[in-house]
Amino acid sequence: MEEIRERKRELRNTVAKLLDALSDKERAEKTKKIESRVFEFANFLEAKVPLLYIACLHEVPTEGILKNCLSVRKAVILPAFEKEKHKMKFMKADNLDTCLKPGPRGIREPDSARCKPVPIERIDIAVVPGIAFDEKGARLGTGEGYYDRLIPKLPSFIRKVSLAFECQIVPQIPMQSHDKYVDIIITDERIIYKI
């Protein structure tokens, strides 16, 4: 078990170095390609209540996707983290400037005083963040386990989609029994359907 944790740490560091080596221009161009693919992706277009995220370091930025969703009047559902309970609740954010506040993980998240809660059953697609992925749909997150706990709670018919720069796709993610897979990965070069 400790060996797998160490391999995960090494993989996070390797991918972080690859991402840090991208220039701001390269990162922006790749992000735009991913955003375009998301808005051409039928499952996302058809979704009325998408669960999205605000990126932390070494995750694909989602600011453009969030703004685009709001501009076409698509709901923006974001997680709010309860660090002490290691849980998250879901809230509808109608305005990214006024509805978000700094969260316990150092990432902006919905302010419960300004955003409506959304039951998990209402979500019809989940965009799940990650730091590294493989073509089998295995994902490596930040190590806090929020999304590994969330994925089994989602109805099985809900697509679990991740966004990744192509350099975040690795040959194999070391997995433990509690680690969960995503169904689809959208990169700046392709769309990967879980093998």
N, C-alpha and C. Protein backbone atom coordinates (compact mmCIF):
# COMPACT_ATOMS: atom_id res chain seq x y z
N MET A 1 0.82 -1.19 0.00
CA MET A 1 0.00 0.00 0.00
C MET A 1 0.87 1.26 0.00
N GLU A 2 1.89 1.28 0.82
CA GLU A 2 2.79 2.43 0.86
C GLU A 2 3.51 2.60 -0.48
N GLU A 3 3.80 1.47 -1.12
CA GLU A 3 4.47 1.51 -2.43
C GLU A 3 3.58 2.21 -3.46
N ILE A 4 2.28 1.92 -3.44
CA ILE A 4 1.35 2.56 -4.38
C ILE A 4 1.24 4.05 -4.09
N ARG A 5 1.17 4.39 -2.81
CA ARG A 5 1.10 5.82 -2.45
C ARG A 5 2.34 6.56 -2.94
N GLU A 6 3.49 5.93 -2.82
CA GLU A 6 4.74 6.55 -3.28
C GLU A 6 4.73 6.71 -4.81
N ARG A 7 4.24 5.69 -5.52
CA ARG A 7 4.15 5.80 -6.98
C ARG A 7 3.20 6.92 -7.40
N LYS A 8 2.12 7.09 -6.64
CA LYS A 8 1.19 8.18 -6.93
C LYS A 8 1.87 9.54 -6.70
N ARG A 9 2.61 9.65 -5.61
CA ARG A 9 3.32 10.91 -5.33
C ARG A 9 4.29 11.24 -6.46
N GLU A 10 5.04 10.21 -6.90
CA GLU A 10 6.00 10.41 -7.99
C GLU A 10 5.30 10.83 -9.27
N LEU A 11 4.17 10.20 -9.55
CA LEU A 11 3.42 10.52 -10.76
C LEU A 11 2.88 11.95 -10.71
N ARG A 12 2.36 12.36 -9.54
CA ARG A 12 1.90 13.75 -9.39
C ARG A 12 3.05 14.72 -9.67
N ASN A 13 4.23 14.42 -9.13
CA ASN A 13 5.39 15.29 -9.34
C ASN A 13 5.82 15.32 -10.81
N THR A 14 5.82 14.17 -11.45
CA THR A 14 6.20 14.09 -12.87
C THR A 14 5.26 14.91 -13.74
N VAL A 15 3.96 14.73 -13.53
CA VAL A 15 2.98 15.47 -14.32
C VAL A 15 3.05 16.96 -14.01
N ALA A 16 3.27 17.31 -12.75
CA ALA A 16 3.39 18.72 -12.37
C ALA A 16 4.55 19.37 -13.13
N LYS A 17 5.68 18.67 -13.24
CA LYS A 17 6.83 19.21 -13.97
C LYS A 17 6.52 19.40 -15.45
N LEU A 18 5.81 18.44 -16.04
CA LEU A 18 5.41 18.56 -17.44
C LEU A 18 4.49 19.76 -17.66
N LEU A 19 3.56 19.94 -16.75
CA LEU A 19 2.63 21.07 -16.86
C LEU A 19 3.35 22.40 -16.62
N ASP A 20 4.24 22.41 -15.65
CA ASP A 20 4.99 23.65 -15.35
C ASP A 20 5.89 24.05 -16.51
N ALA A 21 6.28 23.08 -17.34
CA ALA A 21 7.15 23.36 -18.49
C ALA A 21 6.38 24.01 -19.64
N LEU A 22 5.05 23.93 -19.62
CA LEU A 22 4.26 24.57 -20.67
C LEU A 22 4.32 26.08 -20.50
N SER A 23 4.48 26.79 -21.60
CA SER A 23 4.43 28.26 -21.52
C SER A 23 2.98 28.68 -21.30
N ASP A 24 2.78 29.91 -20.87
CA ASP A 24 1.42 30.41 -20.67
C ASP A 24 0.64 30.34 -21.98
N LYS A 25 1.32 30.64 -23.10
CA LYS A 25 0.68 30.61 -24.41
C LYS A 25 0.25 29.18 -24.77
N GLU A 26 1.14 28.21 -24.56
CA GLU A 26 0.82 26.80 -24.85
C GLU A 26 -0.37 26.33 -24.00
N ARG A 27 -0.32 26.67 -22.73
CA ARG A 27 -1.39 26.27 -21.81
C ARG A 27 -2.73 26.87 -22.25
N ALA A 28 -2.71 28.15 -22.63
CA ALA A 28 -3.93 28.83 -23.07
C ALA A 28 -4.48 28.19 -24.35
N GLU A 29 -3.59 27.88 -25.30
CA GLU A 29 -4.03 27.26 -26.56
C GLU A 29 -4.63 25.88 -26.31
N LYS A 30 -3.97 25.09 -25.47
CA LYS A 30 -4.47 23.75 -25.16
C LYS A 30 -5.80 23.82 -24.41
N THR A 31 -5.92 24.77 -23.50
CA THR A 31 -7.16 24.96 -22.76
C THR A 31 -8.30 25.30 -23.71
N LYS A 32 -8.05 26.18 -24.68
CA LYS A 32 -9.07 26.55 -25.67
C LYS A 32 -9.53 25.33 -26.47
N LYS A 33 -8.58 24.47 -26.85
CA LYS A 33 -8.94 23.26 -27.59
C LYS A 33 -9.85 22.35 -26.76
N ILE A 34 -9.51 22.21 -25.49
CA ILE A 34 -10.34 21.38 -24.59
C ILE A 34 -11.73 21.99 -24.46
N GLU A 35 -11.79 23.31 -24.25
CA GLU A 35 -13.09 23.98 -24.13
C GLU A 35 -13.95 23.75 -25.38
N SER A 36 -13.33 23.84 -26.56
CA SER A 36 -14.06 23.61 -27.81
C SER A 36 -14.61 22.20 -27.87
N ARG A 37 -13.78 21.23 -27.49
CA ARG A 37 -14.23 19.83 -27.51
C ARG A 37 -15.39 19.60 -26.53
N VAL A 38 -15.32 20.25 -25.37
CA VAL A 38 -16.40 20.10 -24.38
C VAL A 38 -17.72 20.59 -24.98
N PHE A 39 -17.68 21.74 -25.67
CA PHE A 39 -18.92 22.31 -26.20
C PHE A 39 -19.33 21.70 -27.55
N GLU A 40 -18.58 20.71 -28.01
CA GLU A 40 -18.98 19.91 -29.17
C GLU A 40 -19.40 18.50 -28.73
N PHE A 41 -19.22 18.20 -27.46
CA PHE A 41 -19.45 16.86 -26.91
C PHE A 41 -20.94 16.70 -26.60
N ALA A 42 -21.59 15.78 -27.29
CA ALA A 42 -23.06 15.63 -27.20
C ALA A 42 -23.55 15.45 -25.77
N ASN A 43 -22.89 14.61 -24.98
CA ASN A 43 -23.34 14.37 -23.61
C ASN A 43 -23.35 15.67 -22.79
N PHE A 44 -22.36 16.53 -23.04
CA PHE A 44 -22.30 17.79 -22.31
C PHE A 44 -23.36 18.76 -22.83
N LEU A 45 -23.51 18.82 -24.15
CA LEU A 45 -24.50 19.73 -24.73
C LEU A 45 -25.91 19.39 -24.26
N GLU A 46 -26.21 18.10 -24.14
CA GLU A 46 -27.54 17.66 -23.74
C GLU A 46 -27.79 17.82 -22.23
N ALA A 47 -26.72 17.90 -21.47
CA ALA A 47 -26.86 17.99 -20.01
C ALA A 47 -27.51 19.31 -19.60
N LYS A 48 -28.44 19.23 -18.69
CA LYS A 48 -29.09 20.43 -18.17
C LYS A 48 -28.48 20.86 -16.83
N VAL A 49 -27.97 19.87 -16.07
CA VAL A 49 -27.44 20.15 -14.74
C VAL A 49 -26.05 19.52 -14.61
N PRO A 50 -25.04 20.16 -15.22
CA PRO A 50 -23.69 19.60 -15.15
C PRO A 50 -22.97 19.98 -13.86
N LEU A 51 -22.35 18.99 -13.26
CA LEU A 51 -21.45 19.26 -12.14
C LEU A 51 -20.10 19.62 -12.73
N LEU A 52 -19.60 20.79 -12.38
CA LEU A 52 -18.31 21.27 -12.88
C LEU A 52 -17.37 21.47 -11.71
N TYR A 53 -16.25 22.08 -11.92
CA TYR A 53 -15.30 22.35 -10.84
C TYR A 53 -14.50 23.61 -11.16
N ILE A 54 -13.92 24.18 -10.13
CA ILE A 54 -12.94 25.25 -10.31
C ILE A 54 -11.59 24.62 -10.06
N ALA A 55 -10.71 24.78 -11.03
CA ALA A 55 -9.44 24.06 -11.01
C ALA A 55 -8.51 24.53 -9.91
N CYS A 56 -7.78 23.55 -9.37
CA CYS A 56 -6.65 23.88 -8.51
C CYS A 56 -5.39 23.65 -9.35
N LEU A 57 -4.26 23.87 -8.78
CA LEU A 57 -3.00 23.74 -9.49
C LEU A 57 -2.89 22.37 -10.14
N HIS A 58 -2.45 22.33 -11.38
CA HIS A 58 -2.21 21.11 -12.16
C HIS A 58 -3.49 20.39 -12.60
N GLU A 59 -4.60 21.12 -12.61
CA GLU A 59 -5.82 20.63 -13.22
C GLU A 59 -6.15 21.55 -14.39
N VAL A 60 -6.90 21.05 -15.37
CA VAL A 60 -7.28 21.88 -16.51
C VAL A 60 -8.17 23.02 -16.01
N PRO A 61 -7.80 24.26 -16.35
CA PRO A 61 -8.63 25.40 -15.94
C PRO A 61 -10.03 25.31 -16.55
N THR A 62 -11.04 25.71 -15.78
CA THR A 62 -12.42 25.61 -16.24
C THR A 62 -13.12 26.96 -16.33
N GLU A 63 -12.41 28.03 -16.06
CA GLU A 63 -13.03 29.36 -16.04
C GLU A 63 -13.79 29.64 -17.35
N GLY A 64 -13.17 29.33 -18.50
CA GLY A 64 -13.82 29.58 -19.79
C GLY A 64 -15.07 28.73 -19.96
N ILE A 65 -15.03 27.49 -19.52
CA ILE A 65 -16.20 26.60 -19.62
C ILE A 65 -17.33 27.13 -18.74
N LEU A 66 -16.98 27.55 -17.52
CA LEU A 66 -18.00 28.08 -16.61
C LEU A 66 -18.66 29.31 -17.21
N LYS A 67 -17.85 30.24 -17.73
CA LYS A 67 -18.40 31.48 -18.32
C LYS A 67 -19.26 31.16 -19.53
N ASN A 68 -18.80 30.23 -20.36
CA ASN A 68 -19.56 29.85 -21.54
C ASN A 68 -20.90 29.25 -21.15
N CYS A 69 -20.90 28.38 -20.13
CA CYS A 69 -22.15 27.79 -19.65
C CYS A 69 -23.13 28.88 -19.24
N LEU A 70 -22.65 29.84 -18.46
CA LEU A 70 -23.53 30.92 -18.01
C LEU A 70 -24.04 31.75 -19.18
N SER A 71 -23.19 31.98 -20.19
CA SER A 71 -23.60 32.80 -21.33
C SER A 71 -24.69 32.12 -22.17
N VAL A 72 -24.71 30.78 -22.18
CA VAL A 72 -25.75 30.07 -22.94
C VAL A 72 -26.88 29.58 -22.01
N ARG A 73 -26.88 30.10 -20.81
CA ARG A 73 -27.91 29.80 -19.80
C ARG A 73 -27.95 28.32 -19.39
N LYS A 74 -26.78 27.69 -19.37
CA LYS A 74 -26.67 26.33 -18.85
C LYS A 74 -26.34 26.45 -17.37
N ALA A 75 -26.92 25.63 -16.56
CA ALA A 75 -26.66 25.68 -15.12
C ALA A 75 -25.18 25.43 -14.84
N VAL A 76 -24.69 26.07 -13.80
CA VAL A 76 -23.32 25.82 -13.33
C VAL A 76 -23.44 25.31 -11.90
N ILE A 77 -23.18 24.02 -11.74
CA ILE A 77 -23.22 23.40 -10.41
C ILE A 77 -21.78 23.17 -9.98
N LEU A 78 -21.43 23.66 -8.81
CA LEU A 78 -20.07 23.54 -8.30
C LEU A 78 -20.09 22.92 -6.90
N PRO A 79 -19.01 22.23 -6.54
CA PRO A 79 -18.96 21.67 -5.19
C PRO A 79 -18.50 22.70 -4.16
N ALA A 80 -19.05 22.58 -2.97
CA ALA A 80 -18.56 23.30 -1.80
C ALA A 80 -18.07 22.23 -0.84
N PHE A 81 -16.86 22.39 -0.35
CA PHE A 81 -16.21 21.33 0.42
C PHE A 81 -16.39 21.51 1.92
N GLU A 82 -16.72 20.42 2.58
CA GLU A 82 -16.78 20.37 4.04
C GLU A 82 -15.56 19.57 4.49
N LYS A 83 -14.47 20.27 4.75
CA LYS A 83 -13.20 19.60 4.98
C LYS A 83 -13.22 18.68 6.20
N GLU A 84 -13.85 19.13 7.28
CA GLU A 84 -13.85 18.32 8.50
C GLU A 84 -14.64 17.03 8.34
N LYS A 85 -15.69 17.05 7.50
CA LYS A 85 -16.48 15.84 7.24
C LYS A 85 -15.97 15.09 6.01
N HIS A 86 -15.04 15.70 5.31
CA HIS A 86 -14.50 15.13 4.06
C HIS A 86 -15.61 14.86 3.06
N LYS A 87 -16.54 15.82 2.95
CA LYS A 87 -17.67 15.69 2.05
C LYS A 87 -17.77 16.94 1.19
N MET A 88 -18.64 16.86 0.19
CA MET A 88 -18.96 18.06 -0.57
C MET A 88 -20.45 18.15 -0.78
N LYS A 89 -20.92 19.39 -0.89
CA LYS A 89 -22.32 19.62 -1.25
C LYS A 89 -22.30 20.38 -2.57
N PHE A 90 -23.41 20.37 -3.28
CA PHE A 90 -23.46 20.93 -4.62
C PHE A 90 -24.37 22.13 -4.64
N MET A 91 -23.89 23.19 -5.32
CA MET A 91 -24.65 24.43 -5.34
C MET A 91 -24.65 25.03 -6.73
N LYS A 92 -25.74 25.69 -7.06
CA LYS A 92 -25.87 26.36 -8.36
C LYS A 92 -25.32 27.78 -8.23
N ALA A 93 -24.33 28.08 -9.06
CA ALA A 93 -23.73 29.42 -9.07
C ALA A 93 -24.23 30.16 -10.31
N ASP A 94 -24.91 31.28 -10.09
CA ASP A 94 -25.46 32.06 -11.21
C ASP A 94 -24.52 33.17 -11.67
N ASN A 95 -23.54 33.51 -10.84
CA ASN A 95 -22.61 34.59 -11.17
C ASN A 95 -21.27 34.27 -10.54
N LEU A 96 -20.24 34.15 -11.37
CA LEU A 96 -18.92 33.75 -10.85
C LEU A 96 -18.26 34.85 -10.03
N ASP A 97 -18.67 36.09 -10.24
CA ASP A 97 -18.07 37.20 -9.49
C ASP A 97 -18.68 37.37 -8.11
N THR A 98 -19.99 37.13 -8.00
CA THR A 98 -20.64 37.41 -6.72
C THR A 98 -21.03 36.16 -5.92
N CYS A 99 -21.05 35.00 -6.57
CA CYS A 99 -21.53 33.78 -5.89
C CYS A 99 -20.43 32.93 -5.27
N LEU A 100 -19.17 33.27 -5.51
CA LEU A 100 -18.07 32.43 -5.03
C LEU A 100 -17.31 33.12 -3.91
N LYS A 101 -16.72 32.30 -3.05
CA LYS A 101 -15.90 32.80 -1.94
C LYS A 101 -14.71 31.85 -1.79
N PRO A 102 -13.67 32.27 -1.09
CA PRO A 102 -12.54 31.35 -0.85
C PRO A 102 -13.01 30.17 0.01
N GLY A 103 -12.62 28.97 -0.41
CA GLY A 103 -13.02 27.77 0.31
C GLY A 103 -11.90 27.23 1.19
N PRO A 104 -12.18 26.19 1.97
CA PRO A 104 -11.20 25.64 2.92
C PRO A 104 -9.99 24.99 2.23
N ARG A 105 -10.09 24.70 0.93
CA ARG A 105 -8.97 24.08 0.22
C ARG A 105 -8.15 25.13 -0.53
N GLY A 106 -8.49 26.42 -0.33
CA GLY A 106 -7.76 27.47 -1.01
C GLY A 106 -8.25 27.72 -2.43
N ILE A 107 -9.42 27.17 -2.77
CA ILE A 107 -10.02 27.31 -4.10
C ILE A 107 -11.37 27.99 -3.91
N ARG A 108 -11.73 28.86 -4.85
CA ARG A 108 -13.04 29.49 -4.77
C ARG A 108 -14.13 28.43 -4.91
N GLU A 109 -15.19 28.63 -4.17
CA GLU A 109 -16.32 27.69 -4.20
C GLU A 109 -17.60 28.46 -3.93
N PRO A 110 -18.76 27.84 -4.18
CA PRO A 110 -20.02 28.56 -3.97
C PRO A 110 -20.22 29.00 -2.53
N ASP A 111 -20.77 30.19 -2.39
CA ASP A 111 -21.13 30.74 -1.09
C ASP A 111 -22.56 30.29 -0.79
N SER A 112 -22.75 29.54 0.28
CA SER A 112 -24.07 28.99 0.59
C SER A 112 -25.10 30.09 0.87
N ALA A 113 -24.65 31.29 1.19
CA ALA A 113 -25.58 32.40 1.41
C ALA A 113 -26.12 32.96 0.09
N ARG A 114 -25.44 32.66 -1.02
CA ARG A 114 -25.84 33.23 -2.32
C ARG A 114 -26.21 32.18 -3.36
N CYS A 115 -25.97 30.92 -3.06
CA CYS A 115 -26.21 29.86 -4.05
C CYS A 115 -27.22 28.84 -3.53
N LYS A 116 -28.02 28.32 -4.45
CA LYS A 116 -29.01 27.31 -4.07
C LYS A 116 -28.38 25.93 -4.05
N PRO A 117 -28.70 25.11 -3.05
CA PRO A 117 -28.22 23.72 -3.04
C PRO A 117 -28.90 22.91 -4.15
N VAL A 118 -28.18 21.94 -4.67
CA VAL A 118 -28.70 21.07 -5.72
C VAL A 118 -28.54 19.63 -5.26
N PRO A 119 -29.62 18.86 -5.23
CA PRO A 119 -29.50 17.45 -4.82
C PRO A 119 -28.67 16.68 -5.85
N ILE A 120 -27.91 15.72 -5.38
CA ILE A 120 -27.05 14.92 -6.25
C ILE A 120 -27.85 14.24 -7.36
N GLU A 121 -29.10 13.90 -7.08
CA GLU A 121 -29.94 13.21 -8.07
C GLU A 121 -30.25 14.08 -9.28
N ARG A 122 -30.13 15.38 -9.15
CA ARG A 122 -30.43 16.30 -10.26
C ARG A 122 -29.29 16.39 -11.26
N ILE A 123 -28.07 16.06 -10.84
CA ILE A 123 -26.90 16.17 -11.72
C ILE A 123 -27.04 15.17 -12.86
N ASP A 124 -26.79 15.63 -14.10
CA ASP A 124 -26.92 14.70 -15.22
C ASP A 124 -25.62 14.47 -15.99
N ILE A 125 -24.54 15.12 -15.60
CA ILE A 125 -23.19 14.79 -16.07
C ILE A 125 -22.23 15.34 -15.02
N ALA A 126 -21.16 14.62 -14.76
CA ALA A 126 -20.19 15.07 -13.75
C ALA A 126 -18.83 15.25 -14.41
N VAL A 127 -18.32 16.47 -14.36
CA VAL A 127 -16.98 16.76 -14.86
C VAL A 127 -16.06 16.69 -13.64
N VAL A 128 -15.20 15.67 -13.66
CA VAL A 128 -14.39 15.31 -12.50
C VAL A 128 -12.94 15.73 -12.72
N PRO A 129 -12.37 16.52 -11.81
CA PRO A 129 -10.99 16.96 -12.01
C PRO A 129 -9.98 15.85 -11.73
N GLY A 130 -8.76 16.07 -12.16
CA GLY A 130 -7.68 15.13 -11.89
C GLY A 130 -6.35 15.69 -12.34
N ILE A 131 -5.30 15.06 -11.88
CA ILE A 131 -3.94 15.49 -12.21
C ILE A 131 -3.34 14.60 -13.29
N ALA A 132 -3.71 13.31 -13.29
CA ALA A 132 -3.21 12.38 -14.32
C ALA A 132 -4.28 11.31 -14.56
N PHE A 133 -4.23 10.75 -15.78
CA PHE A 133 -5.22 9.75 -16.19
C PHE A 133 -4.54 8.72 -17.07
N ASP A 134 -5.18 7.55 -17.19
CA ASP A 134 -4.73 6.60 -18.22
C ASP A 134 -5.92 6.30 -19.13
N GLU A 135 -5.66 5.57 -20.22
CA GLU A 135 -6.70 5.34 -21.22
C GLU A 135 -7.79 4.40 -20.75
N LYS A 136 -7.61 3.77 -19.60
CA LYS A 136 -8.65 2.91 -19.04
C LYS A 136 -9.63 3.69 -18.18
N GLY A 137 -9.41 5.00 -18.05
CA GLY A 137 -10.29 5.83 -17.24
C GLY A 137 -9.84 5.98 -15.80
N ALA A 138 -8.69 5.41 -15.46
CA ALA A 138 -8.17 5.60 -14.10
C ALA A 138 -7.73 7.05 -13.94
N ARG A 139 -8.00 7.62 -12.77
CA ARG A 139 -7.61 9.01 -12.52
C ARG A 139 -6.83 9.12 -11.23
N LEU A 140 -5.96 10.10 -11.23
CA LEU A 140 -5.17 10.43 -10.05
C LEU A 140 -5.52 11.86 -9.68
N GLY A 141 -6.11 12.03 -8.52
CA GLY A 141 -6.50 13.36 -8.07
C GLY A 141 -5.45 13.94 -7.14
N THR A 142 -5.90 14.86 -6.29
CA THR A 142 -4.98 15.53 -5.37
C THR A 142 -4.63 14.65 -4.17
N GLY A 143 -5.37 13.56 -3.98
CA GLY A 143 -5.09 12.66 -2.87
C GLY A 143 -6.02 12.84 -1.69
N GLU A 144 -6.97 13.77 -1.81
CA GLU A 144 -7.89 14.02 -0.70
C GLU A 144 -9.10 13.08 -0.72
N GLY A 145 -9.38 12.45 -1.85
CA GLY A 145 -10.42 11.43 -1.92
C GLY A 145 -11.85 11.93 -2.10
N TYR A 146 -12.05 13.24 -2.26
CA TYR A 146 -13.42 13.76 -2.39
C TYR A 146 -14.15 13.11 -3.57
N TYR A 147 -13.50 13.07 -4.72
CA TYR A 147 -14.18 12.57 -5.92
C TYR A 147 -14.26 11.04 -5.93
N ASP A 148 -13.31 10.36 -5.31
CA ASP A 148 -13.41 8.90 -5.19
C ASP A 148 -14.61 8.51 -4.32
N ARG A 149 -14.97 9.37 -3.37
CA ARG A 149 -16.17 9.12 -2.56
C ARG A 149 -17.45 9.53 -3.31
N LEU A 150 -17.33 10.55 -4.17
CA LEU A 150 -18.49 11.03 -4.90
C LEU A 150 -18.93 10.06 -6.00
N ILE A 151 -17.99 9.57 -6.79
CA ILE A 151 -18.31 8.79 -7.99
C ILE A 151 -19.27 7.62 -7.69
N PRO A 152 -19.06 6.82 -6.64
CA PRO A 152 -20.01 5.72 -6.38
C PRO A 152 -21.42 6.20 -6.00
N LYS A 153 -21.54 7.44 -5.54
CA LYS A 153 -22.85 7.97 -5.15
C LYS A 153 -23.67 8.45 -6.35
N LEU A 154 -22.99 8.69 -7.47
CA LEU A 154 -23.68 9.15 -8.66
C LEU A 154 -24.42 7.98 -9.31
N PRO A 155 -25.61 8.22 -9.84
CA PRO A 155 -26.30 7.14 -10.56
C PRO A 155 -25.42 6.60 -11.68
N SER A 156 -25.51 5.32 -11.95
CA SER A 156 -24.60 4.67 -12.91
C SER A 156 -24.73 5.23 -14.32
N PHE A 157 -25.91 5.77 -14.67
CA PHE A 157 -26.11 6.28 -16.03
C PHE A 157 -25.46 7.65 -16.25
N ILE A 158 -25.03 8.30 -15.18
CA ILE A 158 -24.40 9.62 -15.32
C ILE A 158 -22.97 9.45 -15.82
N ARG A 159 -22.66 10.14 -16.90
CA ARG A 159 -21.30 10.12 -17.44
C ARG A 159 -20.36 10.87 -16.51
N LYS A 160 -19.24 10.22 -16.22
CA LYS A 160 -18.18 10.85 -15.45
C LYS A 160 -17.09 11.22 -16.45
N VAL A 161 -16.89 12.52 -16.66
CA VAL A 161 -15.99 13.04 -17.69
C VAL A 161 -14.88 13.83 -17.02
N SER A 162 -13.66 13.65 -17.51
CA SER A 162 -12.54 14.44 -17.01
C SER A 162 -11.92 15.21 -18.16
N LEU A 163 -11.27 16.31 -17.80
CA LEU A 163 -10.55 17.14 -18.76
C LEU A 163 -9.07 17.00 -18.46
N ALA A 164 -8.25 16.90 -19.53
CA ALA A 164 -6.81 16.71 -19.32
C ALA A 164 -6.03 17.28 -20.50
N PHE A 165 -4.89 17.83 -20.18
CA PHE A 165 -3.93 18.12 -21.24
C PHE A 165 -3.35 16.77 -21.65
N GLU A 166 -2.98 16.64 -22.90
CA GLU A 166 -2.48 15.35 -23.39
C GLU A 166 -1.30 14.85 -22.55
N CYS A 167 -0.46 15.76 -22.04
CA CYS A 167 0.69 15.34 -21.23
C CYS A 167 0.28 14.77 -19.87
N GLN A 168 -1.00 14.88 -19.52
CA GLN A 168 -1.51 14.29 -18.28
C GLN A 168 -1.97 12.85 -18.47
N ILE A 169 -1.94 12.37 -19.72
CA ILE A 169 -2.31 10.98 -20.00
C ILE A 169 -1.04 10.14 -19.90
N VAL A 170 -1.07 9.18 -18.99
CA VAL A 170 0.10 8.35 -18.71
C VAL A 170 -0.22 6.88 -19.03
N PRO A 171 0.80 6.03 -19.17
CA PRO A 171 0.53 4.63 -19.50
C PRO A 171 -0.36 3.92 -18.49
N GLN A 172 -0.13 4.16 -17.19
CA GLN A 172 -0.94 3.48 -16.18
C GLN A 172 -0.94 4.25 -14.87
N ILE A 173 -2.11 4.39 -14.30
CA ILE A 173 -2.27 5.00 -12.97
C ILE A 173 -2.27 3.87 -11.96
N PRO A 174 -1.44 3.94 -10.92
CA PRO A 174 -1.51 2.92 -9.86
C PRO A 174 -2.83 3.09 -9.09
N MET A 175 -3.61 2.04 -9.04
CA MET A 175 -4.94 2.13 -8.42
C MET A 175 -5.02 1.29 -7.16
N GLN A 176 -5.82 1.80 -6.20
CA GLN A 176 -6.14 1.07 -4.99
C GLN A 176 -7.64 0.78 -5.01
N SER A 177 -8.11 -0.04 -4.12
CA SER A 177 -9.51 -0.47 -4.15
C SER A 177 -10.49 0.71 -4.02
N HIS A 178 -10.09 1.77 -3.34
CA HIS A 178 -11.00 2.91 -3.15
C HIS A 178 -10.95 3.90 -4.33
N ASP A 179 -10.00 3.75 -5.24
CA ASP A 179 -9.87 4.66 -6.38
C ASP A 179 -10.94 4.34 -7.42
N LYS A 180 -11.49 5.39 -8.04
CA LYS A 180 -12.59 5.22 -9.00
C LYS A 180 -12.18 5.71 -10.38
N TYR A 181 -12.86 5.18 -11.38
CA TYR A 181 -12.59 5.48 -12.78
C TYR A 181 -13.58 6.51 -13.32
N VAL A 182 -13.18 7.19 -14.39
CA VAL A 182 -14.10 8.04 -15.14
C VAL A 182 -14.42 7.34 -16.45
N ASP A 183 -15.48 7.79 -17.11
CA ASP A 183 -15.92 7.15 -18.36
C ASP A 183 -15.23 7.71 -19.59
N ILE A 184 -14.97 9.01 -19.57
CA ILE A 184 -14.50 9.72 -20.76
C ILE A 184 -13.48 10.77 -20.32
N ILE A 185 -12.44 10.93 -21.13
CA ILE A 185 -11.44 11.98 -20.88
C ILE A 185 -11.34 12.83 -22.14
N ILE A 186 -11.53 14.12 -21.98
CA ILE A 186 -11.43 15.06 -23.10
C ILE A 186 -10.09 15.78 -22.98
N THR A 187 -9.23 15.62 -24.00
CA THR A 187 -7.92 16.27 -23.99
C THR A 187 -7.87 17.33 -25.09
N ASP A 188 -6.75 18.00 -25.18
CA ASP A 188 -6.56 18.99 -26.24
C ASP A 188 -6.35 18.32 -27.60
N GLU A 189 -6.16 16.99 -27.63
CA GLU A 189 -5.92 16.28 -28.88
C GLU A 189 -6.99 15.26 -29.25
N ARG A 190 -7.75 14.77 -28.27
CA ARG A 190 -8.70 13.69 -28.56
C ARG A 190 -9.71 13.52 -27.43
N ILE A 191 -10.67 12.64 -27.70
CA ILE A 191 -11.61 12.22 -26.66
C ILE A 191 -11.37 10.74 -26.43
N ILE A 192 -11.09 10.39 -25.19
CA ILE A 192 -10.76 9.00 -24.83
C ILE A 192 -11.98 8.39 -24.12
N TYR A 193 -12.48 7.31 -24.70
CA TYR A 193 -13.56 6.56 -24.06
C TYR A 193 -12.92 5.39 -23.32
N LYS A 194 -13.34 5.20 -22.08
CA LYS A 194 -12.78 4.14 -21.23
C LYS A 194 -12.76 2.80 -21.97
N ILE A 195 -11.63 2.16 -21.96
CA ILE A 195 -11.45 0.87 -22.64
C ILE A 195 -12.17 -0.22 -21.84
